[in-house]
């Protein structure tokens, strides 16, 4: 039989081990799957998003959150795309996970950054295509001088098309699996 002192030590060790199992150390990888699409066109810093854990979160050999557990995050940066340059960008971070016992674990994580496609290739194609078409039409209609005028008019039209259709937003699609890394120790409260 353990003495009262021994029982106290065993209880404190068990309590310490329980608390240790609920602490997620910095550098832990947490993979989630987003519930909805996040777009740089409509997102704003501070906007919340919902997700679910892709796999169990295991710390010190103990599963503290099961796959499918709800998770939450926030948009930390969002910039909409320009018309002819600067594609859209969005950065998100994970902020909390629901643990097996129903408690919420607040976490601090690295960011996941998404950027829209570059405008350069698309714009060159549209502007260059417009210039070539203008030169061909101008050349047929008015010879050399017409081709020169047609090139300028076509390039202008191509630039207009590029400006009208040129937004390249960053998208994080619904059901996207993303792995975040914790940047600080996190303990359940």
Protein backbone atom coordinates (compact mmCIF):
# COMPACT_ATOMS: atom_id res chain seq x y z
CA UNK A 1 0.00 0.00 0.00
CA UNK A 2 1.30 3.43 -0.93
CA UNK A 3 1.64 6.10 1.71
CA UNK A 4 -0.32 9.30 1.44
CA UNK A 5 2.81 10.99 0.09
CA UNK A 6 3.25 8.23 -2.52
CA UNK A 7 -0.39 8.52 -3.59
CA UNK A 8 0.02 12.26 -4.00
CA UNK A 9 3.14 11.77 -6.17
CA UNK A 10 1.36 9.19 -8.37
CA UNK A 11 -1.65 11.51 -8.74
CA UNK A 12 0.55 14.48 -9.68
CA UNK A 13 2.50 12.37 -12.21
CA UNK A 14 -0.75 11.12 -13.78
CA UNK A 15 -2.06 14.69 -13.91
CA UNK A 16 1.22 15.87 -15.46
CA UNK A 17 1.14 13.09 -18.08
CA UNK A 18 -2.45 13.97 -18.93
CA UNK A 19 -1.54 17.64 -19.37
CA UNK A 20 1.53 16.68 -21.40
CA UNK A 21 -0.60 14.55 -23.72
CA UNK A 22 -2.88 17.55 -24.33
CA UNK A 23 0.06 19.84 -25.24
CA UNK A 24 0.91 20.06 -28.93
CA UNK A 25 4.58 20.98 -29.36
CA UNK A 26 5.84 23.56 -31.85
CA UNK A 27 6.74 21.94 -35.17
CA UNK A 28 3.75 19.56 -35.18
CA UNK A 29 2.18 19.01 -38.62
CA UNK A 30 -1.62 19.26 -38.73
CA UNK A 31 -3.44 18.41 -41.97
CA UNK A 32 -6.95 19.76 -42.53
CA UNK A 33 -9.45 19.77 -45.41
CA UNK A 34 -11.26 23.06 -46.12
CA UNK A 35 -15.07 23.14 -46.05
CA UNK A 36 -15.57 25.91 -48.62
CA UNK A 37 -13.72 27.85 -51.30
CA UNK A 38 -11.60 30.85 -50.31
CA UNK A 39 -10.98 33.45 -53.05
CA UNK A 40 -8.75 36.50 -53.05
CA UNK A 41 -11.61 38.33 -54.82
CA UNK A 42 -13.88 38.21 -51.77
CA UNK A 43 -11.73 37.22 -48.77
CA UNK A 44 -10.55 39.75 -46.21
CA UNK A 45 -8.07 39.61 -43.34
CA UNK A 46 -9.68 38.22 -40.21
CA UNK A 47 -12.32 36.25 -42.11
CA UNK A 48 -12.91 32.82 -40.52
CA UNK A 49 -13.01 29.52 -42.37
CA UNK A 50 -14.01 26.02 -41.28
CA UNK A 51 -12.25 22.74 -41.92
CA UNK A 52 -11.85 19.18 -40.61
CA UNK A 53 -8.80 17.17 -39.58
CA UNK A 54 -7.68 14.76 -42.31
CA UNK A 55 -5.98 12.36 -39.89
CA UNK A 56 -5.78 11.81 -36.14
CA UNK A 57 -3.69 14.30 -34.17
CA UNK A 58 -1.36 12.16 -32.05
CA UNK A 59 0.86 13.62 -29.31
CA UNK A 60 3.17 11.44 -27.18
CA UNK A 61 1.47 8.33 -28.54
CA UNK A 62 -2.01 9.51 -27.51
CA UNK A 63 -4.72 10.54 -29.99
CA UNK A 64 -5.99 13.90 -28.78
CA UNK A 65 -8.16 14.72 -31.82
CA UNK A 66 -9.71 12.26 -34.27
CA UNK A 67 -9.78 12.51 -38.06
CA UNK A 68 -12.87 14.52 -39.06
CA UNK A 69 -12.72 16.73 -35.95
CA UNK A 70 -13.77 20.33 -36.62
CA UNK A 71 -11.02 22.91 -37.10
CA UNK A 72 -11.10 26.64 -37.65
CA UNK A 73 -8.79 29.16 -39.23
CA UNK A 74 -8.54 32.76 -40.39
CA UNK A 75 -7.49 34.62 -43.48
CA UNK A 76 -4.36 36.53 -42.50
CA UNK A 77 -3.81 38.27 -45.86
CA UNK A 78 -5.91 38.83 -48.97
CA UNK A 79 -5.29 40.96 -52.05
CA UNK A 80 -7.58 40.94 -55.07
CA UNK A 81 -6.11 40.67 -58.55
CA UNK A 82 -5.39 43.73 -60.67
CA UNK A 83 -6.60 43.85 -64.28
CA UNK A 84 -3.29 43.73 -66.17
CA UNK A 85 -0.79 42.88 -63.42
CA UNK A 86 -0.46 41.64 -59.84
CA UNK A 87 -2.42 38.40 -59.54
CA UNK A 88 -4.55 37.87 -56.43
CA UNK A 89 -3.05 36.45 -53.25
CA UNK A 90 -4.48 34.91 -50.09
CA UNK A 91 -2.83 33.51 -46.93
CA UNK A 92 -4.64 31.44 -44.30
CA UNK A 93 -3.65 30.10 -40.86
CA UNK A 94 -5.14 27.44 -38.63
CA UNK A 95 -6.41 28.83 -35.29
CA UNK A 96 -8.13 25.97 -33.41
CA UNK A 97 -9.01 22.28 -33.34
CA UNK A 98 -11.70 20.47 -31.39
CA UNK A 99 -10.19 17.74 -29.21
CA UNK A 100 -11.65 14.31 -28.40
CA UNK A 101 -12.86 15.53 -25.02
CA UNK A 102 -14.80 18.38 -26.67
CA UNK A 103 -12.37 21.09 -25.58
CA UNK A 104 -10.94 23.54 -28.10
CA UNK A 105 -7.20 23.69 -28.66
CA UNK A 106 -6.04 27.14 -29.80
CA UNK A 107 -3.05 26.82 -32.13
CA UNK A 108 -0.60 29.17 -33.80
CA UNK A 109 0.57 27.89 -37.19
CA UNK A 110 2.53 28.75 -40.28
CA UNK A 111 0.56 30.30 -43.10
CA UNK A 112 -0.57 28.65 -46.33
CA UNK A 113 -0.18 31.08 -49.25
CA UNK A 114 -1.98 30.86 -52.61
CA UNK A 115 -1.32 33.12 -55.60
CA UNK A 116 -3.27 33.50 -58.85
CA UNK A 117 -1.69 32.72 -62.20
CA UNK A 118 0.66 35.27 -63.75
CA UNK A 119 -0.90 37.77 -66.14
CA UNK A 120 2.13 37.98 -68.42
CA UNK A 121 1.57 35.06 -70.82
CA UNK A 122 -2.17 35.66 -71.10
CA UNK A 123 -1.77 39.40 -71.70
CA UNK A 124 0.99 38.94 -74.30
CA UNK A 125 -1.20 36.47 -76.17
CA UNK A 126 -4.25 38.76 -76.15
CA UNK A 127 -2.36 41.96 -77.05
CA UNK A 128 -0.10 40.28 -79.60
CA UNK A 129 -3.03 38.43 -81.16
CA UNK A 130 -4.98 41.67 -81.45
CA UNK A 131 -2.01 43.43 -83.06
CA UNK A 132 -1.51 40.61 -85.57
CA UNK A 133 -5.18 40.52 -86.48
CA UNK A 134 -5.22 44.33 -86.85
CA UNK A 135 -2.12 44.24 -89.07
CA UNK A 136 -3.66 41.58 -91.30
CA UNK A 137 -6.95 43.43 -91.70
CA UNK A 138 -5.20 46.81 -92.12
CA UNK A 139 -2.79 45.34 -94.68
CA UNK A 140 -5.63 43.87 -96.71
CA UNK A 141 -7.63 47.09 -96.58
CA UNK A 142 -4.94 49.73 -97.03
CA UNK A 143 -1.57 48.19 -97.80
CA UNK A 144 1.54 49.02 -95.72
CA UNK A 145 0.14 52.14 -94.09
CA UNK A 146 -3.09 50.29 -93.29
CA UNK A 147 -1.12 47.43 -91.75
CA UNK A 148 0.69 49.89 -89.45
CA UNK A 149 -2.55 51.54 -88.38
CA UNK A 150 -4.22 48.14 -88.02
CA UNK A 151 -1.39 46.92 -85.78
CA UNK A 152 -1.87 49.85 -83.39
CA UNK A 153 -5.67 49.50 -83.40
CA UNK A 154 -5.42 45.71 -82.91
CA UNK A 155 -2.94 46.06 -80.05
CA UNK A 156 -5.29 48.54 -78.39
CA UNK A 157 -8.19 46.14 -78.80
CA UNK A 158 -6.05 43.29 -77.42
CA UNK A 159 -5.14 45.41 -74.40
CA UNK A 160 -8.83 46.13 -73.86
CA UNK A 161 -9.62 42.40 -73.95
CA UNK A 162 -6.75 41.69 -71.55
CA UNK A 163 -8.03 44.37 -69.16
CA UNK A 164 -11.62 43.12 -69.37
CA UNK A 165 -10.75 39.46 -68.79
CA UNK A 166 -7.41 39.72 -67.00
CA UNK A 167 -8.25 39.13 -63.34
CA UNK A 168 -6.27 36.17 -61.99
CA UNK A 169 -7.59 35.53 -58.47
CA UNK A 170 -5.99 33.16 -55.97
CA UNK A 171 -8.29 30.29 -55.05
CA UNK A 172 -8.20 27.68 -52.32
CA UNK A 173 -10.90 25.26 -53.43
CA UNK A 174 -13.32 23.51 -51.09
CA UNK A 175 -12.04 20.10 -49.99
CA UNK A 176 -8.38 21.16 -50.39
CA UNK A 177 -6.06 19.29 -48.02
CA UNK A 178 -3.52 21.64 -46.41
CA UNK A 179 -0.79 20.84 -43.89
CA UNK A 180 0.04 23.52 -41.34
CA UNK A 181 2.96 23.48 -38.89
CA UNK A 182 2.50 24.75 -35.34
CA UNK A 183 4.82 27.65 -34.52
CA UNK A 184 4.40 27.53 -30.72
CA UNK A 185 3.45 24.98 -28.09
CA UNK A 186 -0.32 24.75 -27.65
CA UNK A 187 -2.08 23.42 -24.55
CA UNK A 188 -5.76 22.57 -24.19
CA UNK A 189 -7.63 24.62 -21.66
